[in-house]
């Protein structure tokens, strides 16, 4: 079985403040476990591509995207909600996080791999149509699911989200779309 491993160096520059629980250390911990288990050597490595504005707009409101893009280059930390902030590198990281899922869909649909693991940050399942939430700027899996539906004409997409928290952003985005479960 061929498994893609998508990641990008930009994720390590995304910072949300000292001692914030969602930090670059999360990627180090994942990578260390993949190395220790011997799994990393069996994965097909890809540098994630950035998602396009068009891909993001399938799941995020234009006003929200305008705001994020217009504030991305500001210095220091910008608070997006009570839990989520971004620095001048965060937009690039978020674009590559969403783009990793799009690329994973493309790789699977092209038959190049059977499955994919997207080792990304910032995470995405709390970001809703109109805003950031819970450490998430863009809803990465929603961008990927919308890409699968639009690019490949799939009739249904299932999203399995296993986390200790409800993927409320994903639910918000697809609540009225019967093609997504």
Protein backbone atom coordinates (compact mmCIF):
# COMPACT_ATOMS: atom_id res chain seq x y z
CA UNK A 1 0.00 0.00 0.00
CA UNK A 2 1.36 3.40 -0.98
CA UNK A 3 0.79 6.20 1.51
CA UNK A 4 1.59 9.85 0.84
CA UNK A 5 3.06 11.95 3.64
CA UNK A 6 2.39 15.64 3.00
CA UNK A 7 3.99 18.38 5.04
CA UNK A 8 5.73 21.74 4.53
CA UNK A 9 8.47 23.72 6.28
CA UNK A 10 6.20 26.79 6.56
CA UNK A 11 4.22 25.09 9.35
CA UNK A 12 7.10 25.55 11.76
CA UNK A 13 7.00 29.36 11.39
CA UNK A 14 3.34 29.65 12.36
CA UNK A 15 3.34 30.77 16.01
CA UNK A 16 0.43 31.67 18.26
CA UNK A 17 2.38 32.84 21.28
CA UNK A 18 4.68 31.49 23.96
CA UNK A 19 3.35 28.36 25.67
CA UNK A 20 0.39 28.06 23.30
CA UNK A 21 -0.62 24.37 23.14
CA UNK A 22 -0.77 24.34 19.32
CA UNK A 23 2.90 24.82 18.48
CA UNK A 24 5.58 23.56 16.09
CA UNK A 25 6.48 20.98 18.74
CA UNK A 26 3.38 19.03 17.74
CA UNK A 27 4.97 18.30 14.34
CA UNK A 28 8.24 17.32 15.98
CA UNK A 29 6.42 14.83 18.23
CA UNK A 30 4.61 13.28 15.27
CA UNK A 31 7.79 13.07 13.21
CA UNK A 32 9.72 11.54 16.11
CA UNK A 33 7.08 8.82 16.51
CA UNK A 34 7.07 8.07 12.79
CA UNK A 35 10.86 7.70 12.87
CA UNK A 36 10.88 5.59 16.06
CA UNK A 37 8.24 3.24 14.65
CA UNK A 38 10.05 2.88 11.31
CA UNK A 39 6.95 4.05 9.44
CA UNK A 40 8.47 7.25 8.04
CA UNK A 41 10.76 5.31 5.69
CA UNK A 42 7.75 3.63 4.08
CA UNK A 43 5.86 6.83 3.26
CA UNK A 44 6.08 8.75 -0.01
CA UNK A 45 7.07 12.28 0.94
CA UNK A 46 5.53 15.36 -0.68
CA UNK A 47 6.10 19.05 -0.05
CA UNK A 48 2.56 20.37 0.22
CA UNK A 49 1.37 22.89 -2.33
CA UNK A 50 -0.55 26.01 -1.28
CA UNK A 51 -4.32 26.07 -1.68
CA UNK A 52 -5.66 28.66 -4.09
CA UNK A 53 -8.05 31.43 -3.16
CA UNK A 54 -10.64 29.71 -5.38
CA UNK A 55 -10.28 26.46 -3.44
CA UNK A 56 -10.67 28.30 -0.13
CA UNK A 57 -13.71 30.21 -1.37
CA UNK A 58 -15.65 26.98 -1.84
CA UNK A 59 -15.93 26.71 1.94
CA UNK A 60 -15.05 30.15 3.35
CA UNK A 61 -16.89 33.46 2.98
CA UNK A 62 -15.22 36.07 0.75
CA UNK A 63 -15.27 38.73 3.49
CA UNK A 64 -13.46 36.40 5.88
CA UNK A 65 -10.84 35.56 3.25
CA UNK A 66 -10.39 39.26 2.41
CA UNK A 67 -9.79 40.04 6.09
CA UNK A 68 -7.27 37.22 6.59
CA UNK A 69 -5.34 38.08 3.41
CA UNK A 70 -5.28 41.81 4.20
CA UNK A 71 -3.93 41.29 7.74
CA UNK A 72 -1.48 38.50 6.98
CA UNK A 73 1.65 40.62 6.61
CA UNK A 74 1.10 42.63 9.79
CA UNK A 75 3.89 42.20 12.33
CA UNK A 76 3.38 40.59 15.70
CA UNK A 77 0.46 38.42 16.73
CA UNK A 78 -3.05 39.17 15.50
CA UNK A 79 -5.83 37.69 17.61
CA UNK A 80 -8.49 36.01 15.44
CA UNK A 81 -10.59 34.66 18.32
CA UNK A 82 -10.03 33.78 21.98
CA UNK A 83 -7.86 30.78 21.11
CA UNK A 84 -6.47 31.59 17.67
CA UNK A 85 -3.90 34.09 16.51
CA UNK A 86 -1.57 34.46 13.57
CA UNK A 87 1.82 35.96 12.91
CA UNK A 88 3.29 37.18 9.61
CA UNK A 89 4.05 33.56 8.59
CA UNK A 90 0.68 32.05 9.47
CA UNK A 91 -1.12 32.73 6.19
CA UNK A 92 1.55 30.85 4.24
CA UNK A 93 1.35 27.94 6.69
CA UNK A 94 -2.46 27.89 6.56
CA UNK A 95 -2.47 27.97 2.76
CA UNK A 96 -0.08 25.01 2.67
CA UNK A 97 -2.11 23.13 5.31
CA UNK A 98 -5.28 23.40 3.23
CA UNK A 99 -3.28 22.76 0.07
CA UNK A 100 -1.88 19.53 1.53
CA UNK A 101 -5.38 18.10 1.77
CA UNK A 102 -6.20 19.20 -1.79
CA UNK A 103 -2.99 17.59 -3.00
CA UNK A 104 -3.75 14.41 -1.03
CA UNK A 105 -7.14 14.19 -2.77
CA UNK A 106 -5.45 14.63 -6.15
CA UNK A 107 -2.84 11.95 -5.42
CA UNK A 108 -5.46 9.42 -4.31
CA UNK A 109 -7.83 10.20 -7.18
CA UNK A 110 -4.95 9.86 -9.70
CA UNK A 111 -4.12 6.44 -8.26
CA UNK A 112 -0.59 7.50 -7.30
CA UNK A 113 -1.25 6.49 -3.67
CA UNK A 114 -3.99 4.61 -1.87
CA UNK A 115 -4.15 7.01 1.08
CA UNK A 116 -2.44 10.03 2.57
CA UNK A 117 -1.38 11.47 5.89
CA UNK A 118 -1.29 15.27 6.01
CA UNK A 119 1.03 16.33 8.82
CA UNK A 120 -0.04 19.97 8.90
CA UNK A 121 -0.59 23.00 11.04
CA UNK A 122 -2.50 25.08 11.75
CA UNK A 123 -5.26 22.52 12.20
CA UNK A 124 -8.62 23.16 10.59
CA UNK A 125 -11.78 21.45 11.84
CA UNK A 126 -12.95 24.35 14.05
CA UNK A 127 -12.67 27.04 11.33
CA UNK A 128 -16.13 27.84 10.00
CA UNK A 129 -17.42 29.48 6.88
CA UNK A 130 -17.04 32.96 8.39
CA UNK A 131 -14.11 32.77 10.74
CA UNK A 132 -11.25 31.22 12.64
CA UNK A 133 -11.80 29.23 15.81
CA UNK A 134 -10.05 26.81 18.12
CA UNK A 135 -6.50 27.28 16.73
CA UNK A 136 -7.83 26.88 13.14
CA UNK A 137 -7.59 29.51 10.35
CA UNK A 138 -8.88 27.56 7.33
CA UNK A 139 -10.87 24.35 7.44
CA UNK A 140 -8.35 22.10 5.71
CA UNK A 141 -10.50 18.98 5.45
CA UNK A 142 -13.49 21.00 4.21
CA UNK A 143 -11.32 22.54 1.49
CA UNK A 144 -10.21 19.04 0.48
CA UNK A 145 -13.74 17.61 0.54
CA UNK A 146 -15.07 20.49 -1.57
CA UNK A 147 -12.20 19.94 -4.00
CA UNK A 148 -13.06 16.24 -4.28
CA UNK A 149 -16.70 17.07 -4.99
CA UNK A 150 -16.00 19.85 -7.49
CA UNK A 151 -12.89 18.59 -9.27
CA UNK A 152 -13.81 14.93 -9.55
CA UNK A 153 -17.60 15.03 -9.54
CA UNK A 154 -17.91 12.69 -6.59
CA UNK A 155 -21.47 12.16 -5.46
CA UNK A 156 -20.67 11.76 -1.75
CA UNK A 157 -17.78 12.43 0.59
CA UNK A 158 -17.50 11.10 4.13
CA UNK A 159 -15.43 12.97 6.69
CA UNK A 160 -14.27 10.96 9.69
CA UNK A 161 -13.01 13.38 12.32
CA UNK A 162 -11.53 11.74 15.38
CA UNK A 163 -10.55 14.26 18.00
CA UNK A 164 -11.53 14.97 21.57
CA UNK A 165 -13.35 18.08 20.30
CA UNK A 166 -16.32 18.36 17.97
CA UNK A 167 -15.39 19.48 14.43
CA UNK A 168 -17.91 22.30 14.64
CA UNK A 169 -16.45 24.28 11.75
CA UNK A 170 -16.72 21.32 9.39
CA UNK A 171 -20.30 20.75 10.50
CA UNK A 172 -21.10 24.45 9.98
CA UNK A 173 -19.70 24.40 6.46
CA UNK A 174 -21.44 21.23 5.28
CA UNK A 175 -24.59 21.24 7.44
CA UNK A 176 -26.91 21.78 4.48
CA UNK A 177 -24.92 19.81 1.89
CA UNK A 178 -26.32 16.27 1.52
CA UNK A 179 -23.22 15.22 -0.44
CA UNK A 180 -21.08 15.36 2.70
CA UNK A 181 -21.50 13.17 5.72
